[in-house]
N, C-alpha and C. Protein backbone atom coordinates (compact mmCIF):
# COMPACT_ATOMS: atom_id res chain seq x y z
N MET A 1 1.27 -0.56 0.02
CA MET A 1 0.05 0.25 0.11
C MET A 1 0.96 1.36 -0.47
N VAL A 2 1.85 1.52 0.75
CA VAL A 2 2.97 2.15 0.85
C VAL A 2 3.44 2.43 -0.63
N GLN A 3 3.58 1.71 -1.41
CA GLN A 3 4.71 1.34 -2.60
C GLN A 3 3.73 2.26 -3.66
N ILE A 4 2.55 2.79 -3.34
CA ILE A 4 1.28 3.32 -4.40
C ILE A 4 1.23 4.64 -4.45
N LEU A 5 1.98 5.39 -2.93
CA LEU A 5 2.24 6.64 -2.51
C LEU A 5 3.72 7.39 -3.68
N THR A 6 3.18 8.00 -4.52
CA THR A 6 3.69 8.31 -5.59
C THR A 6 4.01 10.18 -5.61
N ARG A 7 5.48 9.75 -6.13
CA ARG A 7 5.41 11.90 -6.08
C ARG A 7 3.92 12.67 -6.78
N GLN A 8 3.79 11.94 -7.54
CA GLN A 8 2.59 12.42 -8.33
C GLN A 8 1.13 12.56 -7.16
N VAL A 9 1.21 11.61 -6.58
CA VAL A 9 -0.72 11.03 -5.64
C VAL A 9 -0.13 12.66 -5.31
N CYS A 10 1.32 12.72 -4.45
CA CYS A 10 1.24 13.62 -3.49
C CYS A 10 1.26 14.91 -4.09
N LEU A 11 1.61 15.18 -5.13
CA LEU A 11 1.93 16.36 -4.66
C LEU A 11 0.08 16.98 -5.23
N ALA A 12 -0.28 16.25 -6.19
CA ALA A 12 -2.02 16.25 -6.50
C ALA A 12 -3.05 16.63 -5.49
N ILE A 13 -2.71 15.91 -4.65
CA ILE A 13 -2.90 16.04 -2.91
C ILE A 13 -2.93 17.27 -1.41
N LEU A 14 -1.67 17.20 -2.56
CA LEU A 14 -1.12 18.71 -1.81
C LEU A 14 -2.07 19.70 -1.13
N PRO A 15 -2.68 19.91 -2.21
CA PRO A 15 -3.52 21.05 -2.09
C PRO A 15 -4.27 21.22 -0.67
N LEU A 16 -4.50 20.03 -1.14
CA LEU A 16 -6.08 19.50 -0.35
C LEU A 16 -5.93 18.66 1.03
N TRP A 17 -4.32 19.11 1.74
CA TRP A 17 -3.75 18.55 2.62
C TRP A 17 -4.39 18.93 3.55
N PRO A 18 -5.25 20.04 3.94
CA PRO A 18 -5.74 20.31 5.66
C PRO A 18 -6.61 19.29 5.72
N LEU A 19 -7.60 18.67 4.87
CA LEU A 19 -8.74 18.01 4.34
C LEU A 19 -7.72 16.65 4.84
N ALA A 20 -6.78 16.45 4.01
CA ALA A 20 -6.76 14.47 4.08
C ALA A 20 -5.87 14.29 5.31
N GLY A 21 -5.88 14.22 6.92
CA GLY A 21 -5.08 14.07 7.51
C GLY A 21 -4.28 12.96 7.14
N VAL A 22 -5.72 11.43 7.15
CA VAL A 22 -5.21 10.35 7.03
C VAL A 22 -4.33 9.88 6.63
N PHE A 23 -4.36 10.37 4.96
CA PHE A 23 -3.56 10.47 3.87
C PHE A 23 -2.12 10.42 4.18
N PHE A 24 -1.56 11.91 5.11
CA PHE A 24 -0.61 12.01 5.95
C PHE A 24 -0.49 11.57 6.16
N VAL A 25 -0.83 10.97 7.19
CA VAL A 25 -0.29 10.19 8.07
C VAL A 25 0.41 8.90 7.50
N LEU A 26 -0.47 8.43 6.88
CA LEU A 26 0.02 7.67 5.77
C LEU A 26 0.88 8.01 4.78
N CYS A 27 1.41 9.36 4.14
CA CYS A 27 2.40 9.46 3.37
C CYS A 27 3.72 9.78 4.22
N GLY A 28 3.27 9.87 5.42
CA GLY A 28 4.70 10.52 6.35
C GLY A 28 5.49 8.63 6.76
N LEU A 29 4.60 7.86 5.79
CA LEU A 29 5.36 6.66 6.42
C LEU A 29 5.99 6.25 4.30
N ALA A 30 5.60 7.00 3.80
CA ALA A 30 6.28 6.34 2.51
C ALA A 30 7.53 7.53 1.80
N PRO A 31 8.91 6.64 2.07
CA PRO A 31 9.91 7.31 1.42
C PRO A 31 9.65 8.31 -0.02
N GLY A 32 9.24 7.85 -0.85
CA GLY A 32 8.91 9.20 -2.11
C GLY A 32 8.01 10.14 -1.77
N CYS A 33 6.43 9.49 -1.01
CA CYS A 33 6.32 11.02 -1.15
C CYS A 33 6.44 11.73 0.35
N ARG A 34 7.25 11.49 1.38
CA ARG A 34 8.16 11.92 1.80
C ARG A 34 9.11 13.25 1.44
N SER A 35 9.83 12.49 1.07
CA SER A 35 10.96 13.31 -0.87
C SER A 35 10.25 14.51 -1.53
N ALA A 36 8.93 13.85 -1.63
CA ALA A 36 7.80 14.47 -3.09
C ALA A 36 7.47 16.00 -1.73
N LEU A 37 6.79 15.34 -0.96
CA LEU A 37 6.82 16.83 0.20
C LEU A 37 7.41 18.07 0.63
N ALA A 38 8.34 17.51 0.44
CA ALA A 38 10.03 18.02 1.20
C ALA A 38 9.55 18.79 -0.30
N ALA A 39 10.52 18.45 -1.40
CA ALA A 39 10.82 18.86 -2.16
C ALA A 39 9.39 21.00 -2.51
N GLU A 40 8.65 20.34 -1.93
CA GLU A 40 7.55 21.53 -2.27
C GLU A 40 7.11 22.23 -0.81
N GLY A 41 8.62 22.09 0.12
CA GLY A 41 8.71 22.71 1.25
C GLY A 41 7.85 22.65 2.24
N ALA A 42 7.27 21.59 2.86
CA ALA A 42 6.41 20.98 3.42
C ALA A 42 6.60 20.11 4.26
N THR A 43 6.75 20.24 5.68
CA THR A 43 7.78 19.11 6.12
C THR A 43 6.63 18.81 7.71
N PRO A 44 6.84 17.80 8.03
CA PRO A 44 5.92 17.14 8.42
C PRO A 44 5.35 17.62 9.58
N HIS A 45 5.92 18.87 10.15
CA HIS A 45 4.83 19.09 11.59
C HIS A 45 4.30 20.19 10.37
N SER A 46 4.22 20.43 9.07
CA SER A 46 3.39 21.58 8.94
C SER A 46 2.18 21.02 7.63
N VAL A 47 2.54 19.51 7.62
CA VAL A 47 1.78 18.49 6.78
C VAL A 47 0.41 17.90 7.45
N PHE A 48 0.52 17.38 9.27
CA PHE A 48 -0.31 16.46 9.50
C PHE A 48 -0.60 16.60 10.79
N ARG A 49 0.07 18.56 11.44
CA ARG A 49 -0.22 18.97 12.98
C ARG A 49 -1.45 19.62 12.48
N TRP A 50 -2.63 19.50 12.86
CA TRP A 50 -3.63 20.45 12.68
C TRP A 50 -4.49 20.57 14.24
N GLY A 51 -4.66 21.65 14.89
CA GLY A 51 -5.71 21.36 16.13
C GLY A 51 -6.72 20.71 16.22
N THR A 52 -7.47 19.90 16.74
CA THR A 52 -8.32 19.25 16.72
C THR A 52 -10.01 20.49 17.35
N VAL A 53 -9.24 21.99 18.18
CA VAL A 53 -10.74 22.26 18.45
C VAL A 53 -10.37 23.65 17.22
N THR A 54 -9.69 24.26 17.43
CA THR A 54 -9.66 25.38 16.78
C THR A 54 -9.55 25.13 15.08
N GLY A 55 -8.92 24.05 14.71
CA GLY A 55 -7.97 23.70 12.99
C GLY A 55 -7.09 24.87 12.56
N GLN A 56 -6.34 25.29 13.92
CA GLN A 56 -5.14 26.46 13.45
C GLN A 56 -3.49 24.95 13.44
N LYS A 57 -3.31 25.79 12.21
CA LYS A 57 -1.66 25.09 12.41
C LYS A 57 -0.76 24.15 13.54
N LEU A 58 -0.21 23.07 13.79
CA LEU A 58 -0.17 23.19 15.74
C LEU A 58 1.67 22.75 15.20
N PRO A 59 2.59 23.08 15.95
CA PRO A 59 2.79 24.45 16.52
C PRO A 59 2.54 25.81 15.90
N HIS A 60 1.95 26.65 16.57
CA HIS A 60 1.93 28.26 15.62
C HIS A 60 2.62 29.33 17.47
N PHE A 61 2.65 30.43 16.37
CA PHE A 61 2.51 31.06 17.84
C PHE A 61 1.84 32.29 18.80
N ALA A 62 1.23 32.25 19.69
CA ALA A 62 0.19 33.41 20.01
C ALA A 62 1.32 33.91 21.45
N SER A 63 0.52 34.85 21.84
CA SER A 63 1.25 35.69 22.76
C SER A 63 -0.03 35.56 24.11
N PHE A 64 0.29 36.30 25.27
CA PHE A 64 -0.30 36.23 26.40
C PHE A 64 -0.87 37.77 26.22
N ARG A 65 -2.77 37.22 26.40
CA ARG A 65 -3.23 38.28 26.60
C ARG A 65 -3.38 39.16 27.86
N SER A 66 -3.10 38.90 29.01
CA SER A 66 -3.20 39.15 30.57
C SER A 66 -1.78 39.28 30.99
N ASP A 67 -1.40 40.10 32.34
CA ASP A 67 -0.62 40.36 33.06
C ASP A 67 -0.08 39.18 33.48
N ILE A 68 -1.50 38.81 33.73
CA ILE A 68 -1.27 37.15 34.80
C ILE A 68 -1.66 36.02 34.65
N VAL A 69 -0.49 35.27 33.52
CA VAL A 69 -0.96 33.54 33.31
C VAL A 69 -0.28 32.99 34.29
N ASN A 70 -1.40 32.07 34.83
CA ASN A 70 -0.68 30.62 34.69
C ASN A 70 -0.88 29.66 33.86
N LEU A 71 0.25 28.79 34.08
CA LEU A 71 0.40 28.05 33.55
C LEU A 71 0.32 26.85 34.56
N ARG A 72 -0.21 25.23 33.95
CA ARG A 72 -1.05 24.26 34.82
C ARG A 72 0.06 23.21 34.59
N ARG A 73 0.24 22.44 34.93
CA ARG A 73 0.39 20.96 34.69
C ARG A 73 -0.57 20.43 33.53
N GLY A 74 -1.98 20.53 33.85
CA GLY A 74 -1.97 19.52 33.16
C GLY A 74 -3.32 20.94 32.79
N PRO A 75 -4.65 20.13 31.53
CA PRO A 75 -5.37 21.15 31.23
C PRO A 75 -6.88 20.86 32.01
N GLY A 76 -6.74 21.82 32.94
CA GLY A 76 -8.61 21.99 33.99
C GLY A 76 -7.17 22.84 35.04
N THR A 77 -8.73 23.52 35.40
CA THR A 77 -8.23 24.03 37.09
C THR A 77 -8.08 22.99 37.73
N ARG A 78 -8.72 21.70 37.95
CA ARG A 78 -7.80 20.39 39.09
C ARG A 78 -6.35 20.55 39.28
N TYR A 79 -5.75 20.84 38.08
CA TYR A 79 -4.08 20.54 38.25
C TYR A 79 -3.82 22.06 38.61
N PRO A 80 -2.30 21.57 39.18
CA PRO A 80 -1.72 22.40 40.30
C PRO A 80 -0.75 23.81 39.27
N ILE A 81 -0.94 24.85 39.97
CA ILE A 81 -0.21 25.60 38.62
C ILE A 81 1.69 25.58 39.33
N GLU A 82 2.02 25.68 37.43
CA GLU A 82 3.49 25.46 37.57
C GLU A 82 4.27 26.50 37.68
N TRP A 83 4.33 27.66 37.08
CA TRP A 83 4.25 28.76 36.43
C TRP A 83 3.33 29.90 36.44
N VAL A 84 3.70 31.16 37.46
CA VAL A 84 3.14 32.52 36.98
C VAL A 84 3.96 33.16 36.05
N TYR A 85 2.97 33.64 34.99
CA TYR A 85 3.93 34.84 34.15
C TYR A 85 3.08 36.26 33.83
N HIS A 86 3.81 37.10 34.72
CA HIS A 86 3.43 38.52 34.68
C HIS A 86 3.72 39.52 33.38
N ARG A 87 3.41 38.76 32.18
CA ARG A 87 4.11 39.51 31.04
C ARG A 87 3.10 39.87 29.84
N ARG A 88 2.48 40.60 29.71
CA ARG A 88 1.25 40.84 29.22
C ARG A 88 1.58 40.45 27.82
N LEU A 89 1.87 40.08 26.23
CA LEU A 89 2.65 39.97 25.08
C LEU A 89 3.65 38.93 24.93
N LEU A 90 3.75 38.05 25.85
CA LEU A 90 4.71 37.30 25.66
C LEU A 90 4.54 36.64 25.19
N PRO A 91 5.65 36.65 23.98
CA PRO A 91 4.94 35.34 22.98
C PRO A 91 5.46 33.75 22.88
N VAL A 92 4.07 33.18 22.85
CA VAL A 92 4.63 31.81 22.84
C VAL A 92 4.39 30.60 21.94
N GLU A 93 4.94 29.50 22.36
CA GLU A 93 4.36 28.60 21.02
C GLU A 93 3.35 27.49 21.56
N VAL A 94 2.44 27.75 20.65
CA VAL A 94 1.49 26.55 20.59
C VAL A 94 1.38 25.37 20.24
N LEU A 95 1.15 24.35 21.23
CA LEU A 95 2.04 23.04 21.20
C LEU A 95 0.56 22.00 20.40
N ARG A 96 -0.29 21.76 21.45
CA ARG A 96 -1.50 20.90 21.83
C ARG A 96 -2.82 21.95 22.18
N GLU A 97 -4.11 21.24 22.12
CA GLU A 97 -5.04 21.71 22.14
C GLU A 97 -6.23 20.72 22.93
N PHE A 98 -6.70 21.30 23.53
CA PHE A 98 -7.56 20.04 24.20
C PHE A 98 -8.69 20.77 25.19
N GLN A 99 -9.59 20.88 24.79
CA GLN A 99 -10.88 21.65 24.80
C GLN A 99 -10.66 22.76 24.58
N ASN A 100 -10.88 23.53 26.11
CA ASN A 100 -10.62 25.44 26.08
C ASN A 100 -9.43 25.16 26.72
N TRP A 101 -8.24 23.92 26.72
CA TRP A 101 -6.75 24.50 26.67
C TRP A 101 -6.17 24.07 26.16
N ARG A 102 -4.55 24.89 26.80
CA ARG A 102 -3.84 24.83 25.05
C ARG A 102 -2.63 25.01 26.09
N LEU A 103 -1.71 23.86 25.14
CA LEU A 103 0.01 23.41 25.70
C LEU A 103 0.95 24.42 24.67
N VAL A 104 1.32 25.13 26.23
CA VAL A 104 2.25 26.69 25.03
C VAL A 104 3.77 26.58 25.71
N ARG A 105 4.73 26.41 25.32
CA ARG A 105 5.77 26.48 25.40
C ARG A 105 6.33 27.64 25.08
N THR A 106 6.85 28.16 26.37
CA THR A 106 7.94 30.04 26.35
C THR A 106 8.95 29.59 25.83
N HIS A 107 10.02 30.74 25.30
CA HIS A 107 10.84 30.57 25.15
C HIS A 107 12.16 29.67 25.70
N GLU A 108 11.64 29.84 27.01
CA GLU A 108 13.13 29.02 28.09
C GLU A 108 12.69 27.66 27.57
N GLY A 109 11.63 27.03 27.21
CA GLY A 109 11.55 25.66 27.04
C GLY A 109 10.40 25.15 28.15
N THR A 110 10.09 26.08 28.77
CA THR A 110 9.11 26.11 29.72
C THR A 110 8.05 25.39 29.37
N THR A 111 7.12 24.07 29.43
CA THR A 111 5.81 23.91 28.60
C THR A 111 4.60 23.95 29.75
N GLY A 112 3.88 24.32 29.68
CA GLY A 112 2.79 24.01 30.73
C GLY A 112 1.14 24.59 29.08
N TRP A 113 -0.15 24.01 30.53
CA TRP A 113 -1.82 24.42 30.19
C TRP A 113 -1.98 25.90 30.41
N VAL A 114 -2.67 26.23 29.30
CA VAL A 114 -3.19 28.10 29.93
C VAL A 114 -4.84 27.72 29.44
N TYR A 115 -5.26 28.23 29.95
CA TYR A 115 -6.84 28.87 29.80
C TYR A 115 -6.71 29.83 28.43
N HIS A 116 -7.56 28.93 27.25
CA HIS A 116 -7.53 29.49 25.89
C HIS A 116 -7.62 31.15 25.74
N ALA A 117 -8.22 31.42 26.41
CA ALA A 117 -8.85 32.89 27.03
C ALA A 117 -7.55 33.46 27.31
N LEU A 118 -6.30 33.56 27.83
CA LEU A 118 -5.57 33.99 28.41
C LEU A 118 -4.84 34.38 27.18
N LEU A 119 -5.22 33.29 25.85
CA LEU A 119 -3.99 33.68 24.96
C LEU A 119 -4.72 34.13 23.49
N SER A 120 -4.09 35.32 23.17
CA SER A 120 -4.18 36.35 22.00
C SER A 120 -3.34 35.49 20.91
N ASN A 121 -4.31 35.77 19.35
CA ASN A 121 -3.68 35.31 17.87
C ASN A 121 -2.43 36.65 17.55
N HIS A 122 -3.03 37.78 18.34
CA HIS A 122 -2.04 38.96 17.86
C HIS A 122 -0.56 38.74 18.14
N ARG A 123 0.15 38.41 16.91
CA ARG A 123 1.97 38.38 17.42
C ARG A 123 2.72 39.29 17.84
N SER A 124 3.29 38.47 18.56
CA SER A 124 4.34 39.05 19.52
C SER A 124 6.31 38.65 19.15
N PHE A 125 6.94 39.97 19.75
CA PHE A 125 8.48 39.57 19.71
C PHE A 125 8.95 39.36 20.90
N LEU A 126 9.71 38.62 21.29
CA LEU A 126 10.59 39.12 22.61
C LEU A 126 11.97 38.69 22.24
N VAL A 127 13.20 39.91 22.18
CA VAL A 127 14.64 39.87 21.99
C VAL A 127 15.47 38.96 22.77
N THR A 128 16.12 38.25 22.61
CA THR A 128 16.83 37.30 22.59
C THR A 128 18.06 37.34 22.34
N GLY A 129 18.39 38.24 22.16
CA GLY A 129 20.00 37.67 21.74
C GLY A 129 20.80 38.98 22.27
N GLY A 130 20.75 39.27 23.06
CA GLY A 130 21.44 40.77 23.50
C GLY A 130 20.26 41.68 22.97
N GLN A 131 21.09 42.76 23.02
CA GLN A 131 20.65 44.49 22.72
C GLN A 131 20.61 44.19 20.58
N VAL A 132 19.59 44.82 20.44
CA VAL A 132 18.89 44.59 18.70
C VAL A 132 18.74 46.42 19.51
N THR A 133 19.08 46.38 17.74
CA THR A 133 18.90 47.85 17.10
C THR A 133 17.39 47.48 16.11
N LEU A 134 16.56 48.45 16.86
CA LEU A 134 15.20 48.52 15.70
C LEU A 134 15.72 49.85 14.51
N ARG A 135 15.74 49.06 13.56
CA ARG A 135 16.30 49.92 12.13
C ARG A 135 14.81 50.53 11.26
N HIS A 136 15.37 51.50 10.46
CA HIS A 136 14.33 52.43 9.95
C HIS A 136 13.74 51.76 8.82
N ALA A 137 14.23 50.50 7.84
CA ALA A 137 14.13 49.83 6.98
C ALA A 137 15.35 48.50 7.21
N PRO A 138 14.41 47.76 6.23
CA PRO A 138 15.05 46.03 6.77
C PRO A 138 17.15 46.03 6.12
N HIS A 139 17.66 46.92 6.49
CA HIS A 139 18.64 46.80 6.50
C HIS A 139 20.05 47.17 7.21
N PRO A 140 21.28 46.32 7.75
CA PRO A 140 21.92 46.28 8.45
C PRO A 140 22.23 48.37 8.76
N ASP A 141 22.46 48.59 7.94
CA ASP A 141 22.97 50.14 7.58
C ASP A 141 22.12 50.91 7.89
N ALA A 142 20.55 50.78 7.86
CA ALA A 142 19.56 51.63 8.06
C ALA A 142 19.68 52.51 9.23
N ARG A 143 19.04 53.86 9.16
CA ARG A 143 18.68 54.53 10.48
C ARG A 143 18.35 53.83 11.71
N ALA A 144 19.11 54.32 13.14
CA ALA A 144 18.65 53.50 14.06
C ALA A 144 17.53 53.93 14.12
N VAL A 145 16.52 53.43 15.08
CA VAL A 145 15.33 54.09 15.79
C VAL A 145 15.52 53.95 17.17
N ALA A 146 15.79 53.17 17.43
CA ALA A 146 15.70 52.61 19.02
C ALA A 146 16.63 51.49 18.97
N HIS A 147 17.27 51.28 20.22
CA HIS A 147 18.32 50.18 20.66
C HIS A 147 17.27 49.53 21.66
N LEU A 148 16.77 47.63 21.46
CA LEU A 148 16.31 46.97 22.14
C LEU A 148 16.83 46.06 23.14
N GLN A 149 16.45 46.17 24.82
CA GLN A 149 17.51 45.31 25.62
C GLN A 149 16.57 44.07 25.46
N GLN A 150 17.53 42.62 26.04
CA GLN A 150 16.96 42.02 26.19
C GLN A 150 16.18 41.55 26.56
N GLY A 151 15.14 40.51 26.79
CA GLY A 151 13.64 40.35 26.91
C GLY A 151 12.88 41.93 26.96
N VAL A 152 12.68 42.84 25.46
CA VAL A 152 12.09 43.59 25.67
C VAL A 152 10.69 43.10 25.19
N VAL A 153 9.91 42.89 25.46
CA VAL A 153 8.20 42.41 24.39
C VAL A 153 7.52 44.00 23.04
N GLY A 154 7.24 43.44 22.27
CA GLY A 154 6.92 44.02 21.04
C GLY A 154 5.32 43.05 20.34
N HIS A 155 5.15 43.97 19.62
CA HIS A 155 4.44 43.59 19.00
C HIS A 155 5.00 43.61 17.51
N LEU A 156 4.47 41.98 16.35
CA LEU A 156 5.05 41.62 15.44
C LEU A 156 4.54 42.15 14.22
N LEU A 157 4.66 42.46 13.41
CA LEU A 157 3.97 43.35 12.42
C LEU A 157 3.76 42.43 11.69
N HIS A 158 4.87 42.63 10.73
CA HIS A 158 4.76 41.60 9.15
C HIS A 158 6.88 40.97 8.92
N CYS A 159 6.32 40.05 8.39
CA CYS A 159 7.77 39.26 8.05
C CYS A 159 7.68 38.18 6.47
N ALA A 160 8.03 39.11 6.35
CA ALA A 160 7.74 37.91 4.51
C ALA A 160 8.44 36.66 4.40
N HIS A 161 7.87 36.13 4.17
CA HIS A 161 7.97 34.44 3.94
C HIS A 161 10.08 34.16 3.62
N GLY A 162 10.53 34.06 4.78
CA GLY A 162 11.69 33.34 4.48
C GLY A 162 13.09 35.31 4.73
N ALA A 163 12.68 36.14 5.02
CA ALA A 163 12.61 37.45 5.02
C ALA A 163 14.14 37.64 6.39
N ALA A 164 15.00 37.78 6.22
CA ALA A 164 15.53 37.93 6.78
C ALA A 164 15.76 38.90 7.95
N TRP A 165 14.59 40.04 8.08
CA TRP A 165 14.32 41.44 8.53
C TRP A 165 12.31 41.12 8.97
N CYS A 166 11.87 41.87 10.10
CA CYS A 166 10.38 41.35 10.41
C CYS A 166 9.48 42.86 11.10
N GLU A 167 8.91 43.49 10.54
CA GLU A 167 8.25 44.95 10.87
C GLU A 167 7.68 44.61 12.33
N ALA A 168 8.38 45.77 13.17
CA ALA A 168 7.57 45.59 14.54
C ALA A 168 7.77 46.70 15.41
N ARG A 169 7.04 46.81 16.01
CA ARG A 169 6.76 48.00 16.69
C ARG A 169 7.35 47.78 18.41
N ALA A 170 7.38 48.30 19.00
CA ALA A 170 8.11 48.63 20.54
C ALA A 170 7.97 49.89 21.45
N ASP A 171 6.95 49.96 22.19
CA ASP A 171 6.78 51.49 22.67
C ASP A 171 6.34 52.28 22.09
N GLY A 172 5.76 51.74 20.85
CA GLY A 172 4.91 53.24 19.86
C GLY A 172 6.23 53.26 19.02
N ILE A 173 7.31 52.65 19.10
CA ILE A 173 8.02 53.24 17.58
C ILE A 173 7.89 52.04 17.04
N LYS A 174 8.09 52.37 15.54
CA LYS A 174 8.30 51.38 14.85
C LYS A 174 9.26 51.01 13.62
N GLY A 175 9.35 49.97 13.39
CA GLY A 175 10.93 49.63 12.76
C GLY A 175 11.37 48.11 12.37
N TYR A 176 11.88 47.66 11.90
CA TYR A 176 11.94 46.81 11.48
C TYR A 176 13.70 45.61 12.14
N LEU A 177 13.57 44.88 12.18
CA LEU A 177 14.27 43.86 13.70
C LEU A 177 15.03 42.36 12.31
N PRO A 178 16.37 42.14 12.54
CA PRO A 178 16.92 41.20 12.33
C PRO A 178 16.07 40.10 12.97
N ARG A 179 15.31 39.16 12.27
CA ARG A 179 14.99 38.03 12.55
C ARG A 179 15.54 36.87 13.77
N VAL A 180 16.32 36.49 13.33
CA VAL A 180 17.57 35.74 14.47
C VAL A 180 17.54 36.53 15.78
N ALA A 181 17.42 38.04 15.94
CA ALA A 181 17.69 38.27 16.98
C ALA A 181 16.89 38.21 17.86
N ILE A 182 15.45 37.63 17.41
CA ILE A 182 14.11 37.66 18.20
C ILE A 182 13.52 36.72 18.29
N TRP A 183 12.89 36.12 19.53
CA TRP A 183 11.58 34.93 19.25
C TRP A 183 10.26 35.20 19.47
N GLY A 184 9.50 34.37 18.44
CA GLY A 184 8.03 34.54 18.13
C GLY A 184 7.80 34.38 16.66
N SER A 185 8.80 33.77 15.63
CA SER A 185 8.29 34.28 14.92
C SER A 185 9.10 32.57 13.97
N TYR A 186 8.89 31.71 13.03
CA TYR A 186 9.55 31.06 12.64
C TYR A 186 10.79 31.18 11.16
N PRO A 187 11.89 30.46 11.18
CA PRO A 187 12.87 31.36 10.44
C PRO A 187 11.66 31.71 8.81
N ASP A 188 11.17 30.84 7.83
CA ASP A 188 10.75 30.98 7.28
C ASP A 188 8.83 31.35 6.53
N GLU A 189 8.62 31.12 8.05
CA GLU A 189 7.02 32.12 8.19
C GLU A 189 6.58 33.27 7.73
N ALA A 190 5.53 33.48 6.97
CA ALA A 190 5.30 34.78 6.34
C ALA A 190 4.41 35.17 8.06
N VAL A 191 4.10 36.54 8.51
CA VAL A 191 3.68 36.82 9.09
C VAL A 191 2.72 37.84 8.73
N ASP A 192 1.47 38.20 9.92
CA ASP A 192 1.08 39.55 9.12
C ASP A 192 0.24 39.37 10.69
N GLY A 193 0.60 40.18 11.51
CA GLY A 193 0.64 40.65 12.74
C GLY A 193 -0.60 41.18 13.46
């Protein structure tokens, strides 16, 4: 059965992949299909990981909506609180869904369950690599508009697919940041915050 999953079959079904989860589980087992999907830019995580509640791609980035967010050991209030975050707009990676709860990972690798209403789909960033310069244009020689310290959070406005720079806003100041200096976006992801 796996042998009949050819490159042509995989590519014919590729536009329908959000609706064909079972096919892609099987497809993931077929070497010819895996290479066909890879050639088209699809990865195993982007192929058949979709939220069962929201239908959103998993994993994906979100941000904390509230100034106080509890990370719990499990998906429900009966589970103990492991961490309390006091950082509105902090970007987190949503890994799984269970009813009204989302399993998230922080930039430090900490994971825990958060009630869905405490998350926002508005994109944000966290400066991770020391001080970074917010620039007027997406170029290393462009005029500096601000210097952001490690730990600063802000709004991620736009990142073109595969671009090295992202448009961002921090404390009301707009500019461009190198994607490698922030956490809150995948390297090749297109973002429209």
